[in-house]
Amino acid sequence: MAHSLRTLHVKEKARISSIAATGEMSRRLRDMGLVPGTEVEVVGRAPLKDPVALRLRDFTLTLRNNEADCIMVEKMEDK
């Protein structure tokens, strides 16, 4: 079941299933490496929950909640 990236909690891992953004935001997210199939982990949140810090492909990236809302993910089970 797909969820918005914004709904994940710190230390949760997920795989991007789709990007719902269009135009410039879509291009920007893809340029940052946020493409379907990419695994991400939420590593932190600001005190007011915006922005969210993600770990992907050996780097950390921060996104605003409006950007995270456009990224649909499938949660991954820890093994």
C-alpha atoms as a PDB file:
ATOM      1  CA  MET A   1       0.000   0.000   0.000  1.00  0.00           C
ATOM      2  CA  ALA A   2       1.425   3.370  -1.015  1.00  0.00           C
ATOM      3  CA  HIS A   3       1.768   6.209   1.488  1.00  0.00           C
ATOM      4  CA  SER A   4       3.006   9.771   1.214  1.00  0.00           C
ATOM      5  CA  LEU A   5       6.639  10.137   2.257  1.00  0.00           C
ATOM      6  CA  ARG A   6       5.448  12.759   4.736  1.00  0.00           C
ATOM      7  CA  THR A   7       3.652  10.080   6.809  1.00  0.00           C
ATOM      8  CA  LEU A   8       6.830   8.120   7.601  1.00  0.00           C
ATOM      9  CA  HIS A   9       8.364   8.323  11.059  1.00  0.00           C
ATOM     10  CA  VAL A  10      12.040   8.700  11.948  1.00  0.00           C
ATOM     11  CA  LYS A  11      13.987   5.466  11.271  1.00  0.00           C
ATOM     12  CA  GLU A  12      11.323   4.099   8.897  1.00  0.00           C
ATOM     13  CA  LYS A  13      12.539   2.887   5.516  1.00  0.00           C
ATOM     14  CA  ALA A  14      10.608   2.884   2.267  1.00  0.00           C
ATOM     15  CA  ARG A  15      10.965   2.506  -1.486  1.00  0.00           C
ATOM     16  CA  ILE A  16       9.663   5.266  -3.761  1.00  0.00           C
ATOM     17  CA  SER A  17       6.781   3.957  -5.872  1.00  0.00           C
ATOM     18  CA  SER A  18       5.800   7.137  -7.734  1.00  0.00           C
ATOM     19  CA  ILE A  19       6.213  10.904  -7.916  1.00  0.00           C
ATOM     20  CA  ALA A  20       2.944  12.861  -8.082  1.00  0.00           C
ATOM     21  CA  ALA A  21       4.586  16.238  -8.777  1.00  0.00           C
ATOM     22  CA  THR A  22       4.505  17.881 -12.186  1.00  0.00           C
ATOM     23  CA  GLY A  23       6.533  20.513 -13.969  1.00  0.00           C
ATOM     24  CA  GLU A  24       9.442  22.168 -12.195  1.00  0.00           C
ATOM     25  CA  MET A  25       8.891  20.348  -8.882  1.00  0.00           C
ATOM     26  CA  SER A  26       8.936  16.970 -10.631  1.00  0.00           C
ATOM     27  CA  ARG A  27      12.203  17.828 -12.386  1.00  0.00           C
ATOM     28  CA  ARG A  28      13.752  19.106  -9.151  1.00  0.00           C
ATOM     29  CA  LEU A  29      12.835  15.970  -7.173  1.00  0.00           C
ATOM     30  CA  ARG A  30      14.184  13.695  -9.900  1.00  0.00           C
ATOM     31  CA  ASP A  31      17.397  15.745 -10.138  1.00  0.00           C
ATOM     32  CA  MET A  32      17.908  15.105  -6.402  1.00  0.00           C
ATOM     33  CA  GLY A  33      17.736  11.343  -7.010  1.00  0.00           C
ATOM     34  CA  LEU A  34      14.149  10.863  -5.862  1.00  0.00           C
ATOM     35  CA  VAL A  35      12.957   8.460  -8.542  1.00  0.00           C
ATOM     36  CA  PRO A  36      10.780   5.333  -8.401  1.00  0.00           C
ATOM     37  CA  GLY A  37      12.692   2.370  -6.991  1.00  0.00           C
ATOM     38  CA  THR A  38      14.973   4.457  -4.757  1.00  0.00           C
ATOM     39  CA  GLU A  39      15.198   3.361  -1.120  1.00  0.00           C
ATOM     40  CA  VAL A  40      14.961   6.130   1.489  1.00  0.00           C
ATOM     41  CA  GLU A  41      15.112   6.319   5.278  1.00  0.00           C
ATOM     42  CA  VAL A  42      13.729   9.154   7.395  1.00  0.00           C
ATOM     43  CA  VAL A  43      16.623  10.223   9.637  1.00  0.00           C
ATOM     44  CA  GLY A  44      15.147  13.306  11.272  1.00  0.00           C
ATOM     45  CA  ARG A  45      12.510  15.990  11.445  1.00  0.00           C
ATOM     46  CA  ALA A  46      12.619  19.613  12.519  1.00  0.00           C
ATOM     47  CA  PRO A  47      10.801  20.472  15.775  1.00  0.00           C
ATOM     48  CA  LEU A  48       7.679  21.601  13.891  1.00  0.00           C
ATOM     49  CA  LYS A  49       7.875  18.517  11.588  1.00  0.00           C
ATOM     50  CA  ASP A  50       9.010  20.557   8.559  1.00  0.00           C
ATOM     51  CA  PRO A  51      11.424  19.856   6.896  1.00  0.00           C
ATOM     52  CA  VAL A  52      12.114  16.124   6.916  1.00  0.00           C
ATOM     53  CA  ALA A  53      15.650  14.704   6.549  1.00  0.00           C
ATOM     54  CA  LEU A  54      16.132  11.625   4.359  1.00  0.00           C
ATOM     55  CA  ARG A  55      19.040   9.274   3.798  1.00  0.00           C
ATOM     56  CA  LEU A  56      19.406   7.883   0.285  1.00  0.00           C
ATOM     57  CA  ARG A  57      22.301   6.688  -1.855  1.00  0.00           C
ATOM     58  CA  ASP A  58      24.944   7.619   0.745  1.00  0.00           C
ATOM     59  CA  PHE A  59      23.820  11.217   1.282  1.00  0.00           C
ATOM     60  CA  THR A  60      21.323  13.135   3.393  1.00  0.00           C
ATOM     61  CA  LEU A  61      18.659  15.322   1.825  1.00  0.00           C
ATOM     62  CA  THR A  62      16.030  17.584   3.393  1.00  0.00           C
ATOM     63  CA  LEU A  63      12.587  18.166   1.909  1.00  0.00           C
ATOM     64  CA  ARG A  64       9.725  20.457   2.826  1.00  0.00           C
ATOM     65  CA  ASN A  65       6.442  18.742   3.650  1.00  0.00           C
ATOM     66  CA  ASN A  66       4.799  19.991   0.442  1.00  0.00           C
ATOM     67  CA  GLU A  67       7.543  18.190  -1.516  1.00  0.00           C
ATOM     68  CA  ALA A  68       7.291  15.040   0.618  1.00  0.00           C
ATOM     69  CA  ASP A  69       3.531  14.963  -0.030  1.00  0.00           C
ATOM     70  CA  CYS A  70       4.240  14.428  -3.755  1.00  0.00           C
ATOM     71  CA  ILE A  71       6.344  11.302  -3.186  1.00  0.00           C
ATOM     72  CA  MET A  72       4.475   8.026  -2.781  1.00  0.00           C
ATOM     73  CA  VAL A  73       6.346   5.202  -1.047  1.00  0.00           C
ATOM     74  CA  GLU A  74       5.950   1.568  -0.012  1.00  0.00           C
ATOM     75  CA  LYS A  75       7.181   0.896   3.526  1.00  0.00           C
ATOM     76  CA  MET A  76       9.962  -1.681   3.836  1.00  0.00           C
ATOM     77  CA  GLU A  77      10.101  -4.322   6.535  1.00  0.00           C
ATOM     78  CA  ASP A  78      13.290  -4.517   8.619  1.00  0.00           C
ATOM     79  CA  LYS A  79      15.115  -7.806   8.169  1.00  0.00           C
END
